[in-house]
């Protein structure tokens, strides 16, 4: 049970430490993380309101699943050896639900990251074309100076 809790804490911590702004933003848990997350949600609402609502729904589902996992683990641990077999299916179900909701959130963030990367790659290609055009213009102007 400690391993699952440690894994959950590690996942949430890693998500909270991920970069913010135009790339994928995970949910924050701590107060500073909550501020970052709120800034992300606000930016997402301005950019893509349906995506923001989807993110909030996924985040809330993950938080609920994590809370249920915590409750199930506490019941399991408090039950003693005699009641643990009864509580174990609830813990396993809560773990599955938490994994499902976390994967759904990660899928959302990965899709947003892929979209962001595509936009940035297009912008880079555009800037490279402009630089090449400037290089050609520069070469022409230098040629005029030599004549």
N, C-alpha and C. Protein backbone atom coordinates (compact mmCIF):
# COMPACT_ATOMS: atom_id res chain seq x y z
N UNK A 1 0.82 -1.19 0.00
CA UNK A 1 0.00 0.00 0.00
C UNK A 1 0.87 1.26 0.00
N UNK A 2 1.98 1.20 0.70
CA UNK A 2 2.87 2.36 0.69
C UNK A 2 3.43 2.61 -0.70
N UNK A 3 3.67 1.53 -1.42
CA UNK A 3 4.20 1.67 -2.78
C UNK A 3 3.22 2.42 -3.66
N UNK A 4 1.93 2.08 -3.56
CA UNK A 4 0.90 2.76 -4.35
C UNK A 4 0.81 4.23 -3.97
N UNK A 5 0.81 4.49 -2.67
CA UNK A 5 0.75 5.87 -2.22
C UNK A 5 1.98 6.64 -2.69
N UNK A 6 3.14 6.01 -2.57
CA UNK A 6 4.37 6.66 -3.02
C UNK A 6 4.32 6.91 -4.52
N UNK A 7 3.79 5.94 -5.27
CA UNK A 7 3.66 6.12 -6.72
C UNK A 7 2.72 7.27 -7.04
N UNK A 8 1.60 7.32 -6.34
CA UNK A 8 0.64 8.40 -6.57
C UNK A 8 1.28 9.76 -6.27
N UNK A 9 1.99 9.83 -5.16
CA UNK A 9 2.65 11.08 -4.79
C UNK A 9 3.70 11.44 -5.83
N UNK A 10 4.45 10.44 -6.31
CA UNK A 10 5.48 10.71 -7.31
C UNK A 10 4.87 11.22 -8.61
N UNK A 11 3.78 10.60 -9.04
CA UNK A 11 3.11 11.04 -10.28
C UNK A 11 2.62 12.47 -10.14
N UNK A 12 1.94 12.75 -9.03
CA UNK A 12 1.41 14.10 -8.83
C UNK A 12 2.55 15.11 -8.74
N UNK A 13 3.64 14.74 -8.05
CA UNK A 13 4.78 15.64 -7.94
C UNK A 13 5.40 15.91 -9.30
N UNK A 14 5.59 14.85 -10.09
CA UNK A 14 6.16 15.04 -11.43
C UNK A 14 5.26 15.91 -12.29
N UNK A 15 3.97 15.69 -12.19
CA UNK A 15 3.04 16.50 -12.97
C UNK A 15 3.09 17.96 -12.53
N UNK A 16 3.22 18.17 -11.24
CA UNK A 16 3.26 19.55 -10.74
C UNK A 16 4.54 20.26 -11.15
N UNK A 17 5.61 19.50 -11.41
CA UNK A 17 6.89 20.11 -11.77
C UNK A 17 7.03 20.32 -13.26
N UNK A 18 6.12 19.81 -14.06
CA UNK A 18 6.22 19.93 -15.51
C UNK A 18 6.12 21.39 -15.92
N UNK A 19 6.68 21.74 -17.08
CA UNK A 19 6.65 23.13 -17.52
C UNK A 19 5.23 23.63 -17.78
N UNK A 20 5.07 24.92 -17.63
CA UNK A 20 3.77 25.53 -17.90
C UNK A 20 3.88 26.39 -19.14
N UNK A 21 2.86 27.13 -19.43
CA UNK A 21 2.74 28.06 -20.55
C UNK A 21 2.18 27.34 -21.76
N UNK A 22 2.88 27.39 -22.89
CA UNK A 22 2.30 26.87 -24.13
C UNK A 22 2.42 25.37 -24.27
N UNK A 23 3.16 24.74 -23.41
CA UNK A 23 3.27 23.29 -23.49
C UNK A 23 2.34 22.64 -22.49
N UNK A 24 2.31 21.32 -22.45
CA UNK A 24 1.40 20.59 -21.58
C UNK A 24 1.55 20.97 -20.13
N UNK A 25 0.43 21.22 -19.49
CA UNK A 25 0.45 21.62 -18.11
C UNK A 25 -0.35 20.65 -17.27
N UNK A 26 0.30 20.07 -16.30
CA UNK A 26 -0.37 19.15 -15.43
C UNK A 26 -0.97 19.84 -14.23
N UNK A 27 -1.77 19.13 -13.49
CA UNK A 27 -2.39 19.72 -12.33
C UNK A 27 -1.39 19.95 -11.21
N UNK A 28 -1.55 21.02 -10.47
CA UNK A 28 -0.73 21.30 -9.31
C UNK A 28 -1.44 20.83 -8.06
N UNK A 29 -0.68 20.54 -7.03
CA UNK A 29 -1.27 20.08 -5.79
C UNK A 29 -0.98 21.08 -4.68
N UNK A 30 0.25 21.57 -4.64
CA UNK A 30 0.62 22.51 -3.60
C UNK A 30 0.09 23.90 -3.93
N UNK A 31 0.20 24.81 -2.97
CA UNK A 31 -0.28 26.18 -3.21
C UNK A 31 0.40 26.81 -4.42
N UNK A 32 1.75 26.77 -4.52
CA UNK A 32 2.37 27.32 -5.74
C UNK A 32 1.92 26.57 -6.99
N UNK A 33 1.78 25.26 -6.89
CA UNK A 33 1.29 24.47 -8.02
C UNK A 33 -0.12 24.84 -8.39
N UNK A 34 -0.94 25.14 -7.38
CA UNK A 34 -2.33 25.52 -7.64
C UNK A 34 -2.38 26.85 -8.39
N UNK A 35 -1.48 27.76 -8.05
CA UNK A 35 -1.43 29.04 -8.76
C UNK A 35 -1.02 28.83 -10.22
N UNK A 36 -0.02 27.98 -10.42
CA UNK A 36 0.42 27.67 -11.79
C UNK A 36 -0.70 27.02 -12.57
N UNK A 37 -1.37 26.08 -11.91
CA UNK A 37 -2.45 25.38 -12.59
C UNK A 37 -3.58 26.34 -12.95
N UNK A 38 -3.91 27.24 -12.03
CA UNK A 38 -4.98 28.20 -12.31
C UNK A 38 -4.59 29.11 -13.47
N UNK A 39 -3.33 29.51 -13.52
CA UNK A 39 -2.86 30.32 -14.64
C UNK A 39 -2.96 29.53 -15.95
N UNK A 40 -2.64 28.26 -15.90
CA UNK A 40 -2.76 27.40 -17.08
C UNK A 40 -4.21 27.29 -17.52
N UNK A 41 -5.10 27.04 -16.57
CA UNK A 41 -6.52 26.90 -16.90
C UNK A 41 -7.04 28.21 -17.49
N UNK A 42 -6.65 29.34 -16.90
CA UNK A 42 -7.09 30.63 -17.42
C UNK A 42 -6.60 30.84 -18.86
N UNK A 43 -5.33 30.53 -19.10
CA UNK A 43 -4.78 30.67 -20.46
C UNK A 43 -5.48 29.72 -21.43
N UNK A 44 -5.73 28.52 -20.97
CA UNK A 44 -6.41 27.54 -21.81
C UNK A 44 -7.83 27.98 -22.12
N UNK A 45 -8.49 28.58 -21.15
CA UNK A 45 -9.86 29.08 -21.38
C UNK A 45 -9.87 30.18 -22.44
N UNK A 46 -8.85 31.03 -22.42
CA UNK A 46 -8.77 32.09 -23.44
C UNK A 46 -8.48 31.50 -24.82
N UNK A 47 -7.62 30.51 -24.85
CA UNK A 47 -7.18 29.92 -26.12
C UNK A 47 -8.19 28.92 -26.68
N UNK A 48 -8.73 28.07 -25.81
CA UNK A 48 -9.58 26.96 -26.26
C UNK A 48 -10.53 26.56 -25.12
N UNK A 49 -11.66 27.27 -24.98
CA UNK A 49 -12.57 27.00 -23.86
C UNK A 49 -13.03 25.54 -23.73
N UNK A 50 -13.37 24.86 -24.83
CA UNK A 50 -13.76 23.45 -24.66
C UNK A 50 -12.62 22.58 -24.11
N UNK A 51 -11.40 22.86 -24.54
CA UNK A 51 -10.25 22.10 -24.02
C UNK A 51 -10.05 22.39 -22.54
N UNK A 52 -10.27 23.63 -22.14
CA UNK A 52 -10.14 23.98 -20.72
C UNK A 52 -11.16 23.21 -19.89
N UNK A 53 -12.37 23.13 -20.38
CA UNK A 53 -13.41 22.39 -19.64
C UNK A 53 -13.06 20.91 -19.57
N UNK A 54 -12.53 20.39 -20.66
CA UNK A 54 -12.11 18.97 -20.67
C UNK A 54 -10.99 18.74 -19.67
N UNK A 55 -10.02 19.64 -19.65
CA UNK A 55 -8.91 19.53 -18.71
C UNK A 55 -9.42 19.56 -17.27
N UNK A 56 -10.28 20.51 -16.96
CA UNK A 56 -10.81 20.63 -15.60
C UNK A 56 -11.57 19.36 -15.22
N UNK A 57 -12.36 18.83 -16.15
CA UNK A 57 -13.10 17.60 -15.86
C UNK A 57 -12.15 16.43 -15.61
N UNK A 58 -11.11 16.32 -16.43
CA UNK A 58 -10.13 15.24 -16.24
C UNK A 58 -9.37 15.40 -14.93
N UNK A 59 -8.98 16.62 -14.63
CA UNK A 59 -8.26 16.89 -13.38
C UNK A 59 -9.13 16.56 -12.18
N UNK A 60 -10.39 17.00 -12.23
CA UNK A 60 -11.30 16.73 -11.12
C UNK A 60 -11.55 15.24 -10.95
N UNK A 61 -11.68 14.53 -12.07
CA UNK A 61 -11.87 13.07 -12.00
C UNK A 61 -10.65 12.40 -11.38
N UNK A 62 -9.47 12.87 -11.75
CA UNK A 62 -8.25 12.30 -11.16
C UNK A 62 -8.19 12.59 -9.67
N UNK A 63 -8.52 13.81 -9.28
CA UNK A 63 -8.51 14.16 -7.86
C UNK A 63 -9.50 13.31 -7.07
N UNK A 64 -10.70 13.10 -7.63
CA UNK A 64 -11.69 12.25 -6.96
C UNK A 64 -11.19 10.81 -6.86
N UNK A 65 -10.59 10.32 -7.92
CA UNK A 65 -10.07 8.95 -7.90
C UNK A 65 -8.95 8.80 -6.88
N UNK A 66 -8.10 9.81 -6.77
CA UNK A 66 -7.02 9.77 -5.79
C UNK A 66 -7.59 9.80 -4.37
N UNK A 67 -8.60 10.62 -4.15
CA UNK A 67 -9.23 10.66 -2.82
C UNK A 67 -9.88 9.32 -2.49
N UNK A 68 -10.53 8.71 -3.47
CA UNK A 68 -11.15 7.40 -3.23
C UNK A 68 -10.09 6.34 -2.96
N UNK A 69 -8.98 6.39 -3.68
CA UNK A 69 -7.89 5.46 -3.43
C UNK A 69 -7.36 5.62 -2.02
N UNK A 70 -7.19 6.86 -1.60
CA UNK A 70 -6.72 7.12 -0.24
C UNK A 70 -7.70 6.56 0.79
N UNK A 71 -9.00 6.79 0.58
CA UNK A 71 -10.01 6.25 1.52
C UNK A 71 -9.98 4.73 1.54
N UNK A 72 -9.90 4.12 0.38
CA UNK A 72 -9.87 2.65 0.30
C UNK A 72 -8.63 2.09 1.00
N UNK A 73 -7.50 2.74 0.82
CA UNK A 73 -6.28 2.28 1.47
C UNK A 73 -6.37 2.45 2.99
N UNK A 74 -6.97 3.54 3.43
CA UNK A 74 -7.13 3.73 4.88
C UNK A 74 -8.06 2.67 5.46
N UNK A 75 -9.14 2.36 4.75
CA UNK A 75 -10.05 1.29 5.21
C UNK A 75 -9.31 -0.04 5.26
N UNK A 76 -8.54 -0.30 4.23
CA UNK A 76 -7.78 -1.55 4.18
C UNK A 76 -6.81 -1.63 5.35
N UNK A 77 -6.06 -0.57 5.58
CA UNK A 77 -5.07 -0.56 6.65
C UNK A 77 -5.72 -0.61 8.03
N UNK A 78 -6.86 0.01 8.18
CA UNK A 78 -7.54 0.04 9.48
C UNK A 78 -8.29 -1.25 9.77
N UNK A 79 -8.58 -2.02 8.76
CA UNK A 79 -9.41 -3.22 8.93
C UNK A 79 -8.73 -4.35 9.66
N UNK A 80 -7.45 -4.38 9.69
CA UNK A 80 -6.76 -5.49 10.31
C UNK A 80 -6.74 -6.69 9.38
N UNK A 81 -5.98 -7.71 9.76
CA UNK A 81 -5.80 -8.88 8.89
C UNK A 81 -7.10 -9.59 8.53
N UNK A 82 -8.06 -9.61 9.44
CA UNK A 82 -9.30 -10.34 9.18
C UNK A 82 -10.15 -9.67 8.11
N UNK A 83 -10.15 -8.33 8.07
CA UNK A 83 -11.02 -7.61 7.14
C UNK A 83 -10.31 -7.21 5.84
N UNK A 84 -9.02 -7.40 5.78
CA UNK A 84 -8.29 -6.99 4.58
C UNK A 84 -8.76 -7.69 3.32
N UNK A 85 -9.05 -8.98 3.36
CA UNK A 85 -9.54 -9.62 2.12
C UNK A 85 -10.84 -9.00 1.61
N UNK A 86 -11.65 -8.47 2.53
CA UNK A 86 -12.91 -7.83 2.12
C UNK A 86 -12.63 -6.47 1.50
N UNK A 87 -11.65 -5.75 2.05
CA UNK A 87 -11.34 -4.39 1.57
C UNK A 87 -10.44 -4.39 0.34
N UNK A 88 -9.73 -5.48 0.09
CA UNK A 88 -8.77 -5.51 -1.01
C UNK A 88 -9.40 -5.23 -2.38
N UNK A 89 -10.56 -5.80 -2.72
CA UNK A 89 -11.15 -5.48 -4.03
C UNK A 89 -11.45 -3.98 -4.20
N UNK A 90 -11.84 -3.33 -3.11
CA UNK A 90 -12.10 -1.88 -3.19
C UNK A 90 -10.81 -1.13 -3.48
N UNK A 91 -9.72 -1.54 -2.83
CA UNK A 91 -8.42 -0.89 -3.08
C UNK A 91 -8.00 -1.12 -4.53
N UNK A 92 -8.15 -2.34 -5.00
CA UNK A 92 -7.76 -2.64 -6.38
C UNK A 92 -8.60 -1.85 -7.38
N UNK A 93 -9.89 -1.76 -7.12
CA UNK A 93 -10.77 -0.98 -8.01
C UNK A 93 -10.39 0.50 -7.98
N UNK A 94 -10.10 1.01 -6.78
CA UNK A 94 -9.71 2.42 -6.65
C UNK A 94 -8.40 2.67 -7.38
N UNK A 95 -7.47 1.72 -7.30
CA UNK A 95 -6.20 1.85 -8.02
C UNK A 95 -6.43 1.91 -9.52
N UNK A 96 -7.28 1.01 -10.01
CA UNK A 96 -7.58 0.99 -11.45
C UNK A 96 -8.21 2.31 -11.88
N UNK A 97 -9.15 2.80 -11.09
CA UNK A 97 -9.82 4.06 -11.43
C UNK A 97 -8.81 5.21 -11.44
N UNK A 98 -7.93 5.24 -10.45
CA UNK A 98 -6.92 6.29 -10.40
C UNK A 98 -6.00 6.19 -11.62
N UNK A 99 -5.59 4.98 -11.97
CA UNK A 99 -4.72 4.79 -13.14
C UNK A 99 -5.44 5.24 -14.41
N UNK A 100 -6.72 4.88 -14.54
CA UNK A 100 -7.49 5.27 -15.73
C UNK A 100 -7.60 6.79 -15.84
N UNK A 101 -7.93 7.44 -14.73
CA UNK A 101 -8.11 8.90 -14.78
C UNK A 101 -6.78 9.60 -15.02
N UNK A 102 -5.71 9.07 -14.44
CA UNK A 102 -4.39 9.67 -14.66
C UNK A 102 -3.97 9.51 -16.11
N UNK A 103 -4.20 8.32 -16.67
CA UNK A 103 -3.86 8.11 -18.08
C UNK A 103 -4.68 9.02 -18.99
N UNK A 104 -5.94 9.21 -18.67
CA UNK A 104 -6.77 10.11 -19.49
C UNK A 104 -6.22 11.53 -19.44
N UNK A 105 -5.81 11.98 -18.26
CA UNK A 105 -5.24 13.32 -18.14
C UNK A 105 -3.91 13.40 -18.89
N UNK A 106 -3.08 12.39 -18.76
CA UNK A 106 -1.81 12.38 -19.48
C UNK A 106 -2.03 12.36 -20.99
N UNK A 107 -3.02 11.61 -21.45
CA UNK A 107 -3.35 11.60 -22.88
C UNK A 107 -3.75 12.99 -23.36
N UNK A 108 -4.56 13.68 -22.57
CA UNK A 108 -4.97 15.04 -22.91
C UNK A 108 -3.74 15.94 -23.02
N UNK A 109 -2.87 15.88 -22.00
CA UNK A 109 -1.68 16.74 -22.00
C UNK A 109 -0.75 16.39 -23.16
N UNK A 110 -0.59 15.10 -23.45
CA UNK A 110 0.24 14.71 -24.59
C UNK A 110 -0.32 15.25 -25.90
N UNK A 111 -1.62 15.18 -26.07
CA UNK A 111 -2.25 15.70 -27.29
C UNK A 111 -2.02 17.21 -27.40
N UNK A 112 -2.17 17.92 -26.29
CA UNK A 112 -1.92 19.37 -26.30
C UNK A 112 -0.47 19.65 -26.65
N UNK A 113 0.45 18.86 -26.09
CA UNK A 113 1.86 19.05 -26.39
C UNK A 113 2.14 18.80 -27.87
N UNK A 114 1.55 17.74 -28.42
CA UNK A 114 1.76 17.46 -29.85
C UNK A 114 1.25 18.63 -30.69
N UNK A 115 0.09 19.15 -30.34
CA UNK A 115 -0.46 20.30 -31.08
C UNK A 115 0.47 21.51 -30.96
N UNK A 116 0.95 21.76 -29.75
CA UNK A 116 1.86 22.90 -29.53
C UNK A 116 3.14 22.72 -30.33
N UNK A 117 3.68 21.52 -30.33
CA UNK A 117 4.90 21.25 -31.09
C UNK A 117 4.67 21.47 -32.59
N UNK A 118 3.54 21.04 -33.09
CA UNK A 118 3.24 21.23 -34.52
C UNK A 118 3.19 22.71 -34.86
N UNK A 119 2.55 23.50 -34.02
CA UNK A 119 2.47 24.95 -34.25
C UNK A 119 3.87 25.56 -34.21
N UNK A 120 4.66 25.17 -33.22
CA UNK A 120 6.01 25.71 -33.10
C UNK A 120 6.89 25.28 -34.27
N UNK A 121 6.76 24.04 -34.70
CA UNK A 121 7.55 23.58 -35.85
C UNK A 121 7.18 24.35 -37.11
N UNK A 122 5.91 24.62 -37.30
CA UNK A 122 5.49 25.43 -38.45
C UNK A 122 6.06 26.83 -38.37
N UNK A 123 6.08 27.39 -37.19
CA UNK A 123 6.63 28.74 -36.99
C UNK A 123 8.13 28.75 -37.28
N UNK A 124 8.82 27.71 -36.83
CA UNK A 124 10.26 27.61 -37.09
C UNK A 124 10.52 27.53 -38.59
N UNK A 125 9.75 26.73 -39.29
CA UNK A 125 9.91 26.62 -40.75
C UNK A 125 9.66 27.97 -41.42
N UNK A 126 8.66 28.68 -40.94
CA UNK A 126 8.36 30.00 -41.49
C UNK A 126 9.53 30.96 -41.25
N UNK A 127 10.07 30.96 -40.06
CA UNK A 127 11.21 31.82 -39.74
C UNK A 127 12.44 31.45 -40.57
N UNK A 128 12.65 30.16 -40.79
CA UNK A 128 13.78 29.74 -41.62
C UNK A 128 13.62 30.25 -43.05
N UNK A 129 12.39 30.20 -43.58
CA UNK A 129 12.15 30.73 -44.93
C UNK A 129 12.46 32.23 -44.99
N UNK A 130 12.03 32.96 -43.98
CA UNK A 130 12.29 34.41 -43.94
C UNK A 130 13.79 34.66 -43.87
N UNK A 131 14.51 33.90 -43.06
CA UNK A 131 15.96 34.06 -42.96
C UNK A 131 16.63 33.78 -44.30
N UNK A 132 16.17 32.75 -44.99
CA UNK A 132 16.75 32.42 -46.29
C UNK A 132 16.49 33.53 -47.30
N UNK A 133 15.29 34.08 -47.29
CA UNK A 133 14.97 35.20 -48.19
C UNK A 133 15.86 36.40 -47.88
N UNK A 134 16.05 36.68 -46.61
CA UNK A 134 16.93 37.78 -46.22
C UNK A 134 18.36 37.51 -46.65
N UNK A 135 18.78 36.26 -46.55
CA UNK A 135 20.13 35.89 -46.98
C UNK A 135 20.31 36.13 -48.47
N UNK A 136 19.29 35.78 -49.25
CA UNK A 136 19.36 36.03 -50.70
C UNK A 136 19.39 37.54 -50.97
N UNK A 137 18.55 38.29 -50.26
CA UNK A 137 18.53 39.75 -50.44
C UNK A 137 19.88 40.35 -50.04
N UNK A 138 20.45 39.84 -48.96
CA UNK A 138 21.76 40.33 -48.51
C UNK A 138 22.81 40.06 -49.58
N UNK A 139 22.80 38.87 -50.14
CA UNK A 139 23.78 38.52 -51.18
C UNK A 139 23.62 39.44 -52.39
N UNK A 140 22.38 39.74 -52.76
CA UNK A 140 22.15 40.64 -53.90
C UNK A 140 22.68 42.04 -53.59
N UNK A 141 22.43 42.52 -52.37
CA UNK A 141 22.89 43.87 -52.01
C UNK A 141 24.41 43.93 -51.94
N UNK A 142 25.04 42.89 -51.45
CA UNK A 142 26.50 42.85 -51.41
C UNK A 142 27.07 42.82 -52.83
N UNK A 143 26.39 42.11 -53.71
CA UNK A 143 26.80 42.06 -55.11
C UNK A 143 26.70 43.45 -55.74
N UNK A 144 25.62 44.19 -55.42
CA UNK A 144 25.47 45.55 -55.95
C UNK A 144 26.60 46.46 -55.46
N UNK A 145 27.01 46.29 -54.22
CA UNK A 145 28.09 47.11 -53.68
C UNK A 145 29.42 46.83 -54.38
N UNK A 146 29.62 45.62 -54.83
CA UNK A 146 30.88 45.26 -55.49
C UNK A 146 30.93 45.74 -56.94
N UNK A 147 29.81 46.03 -57.51
CA UNK A 147 29.78 46.45 -58.93
C UNK A 147 30.22 47.86 -59.10
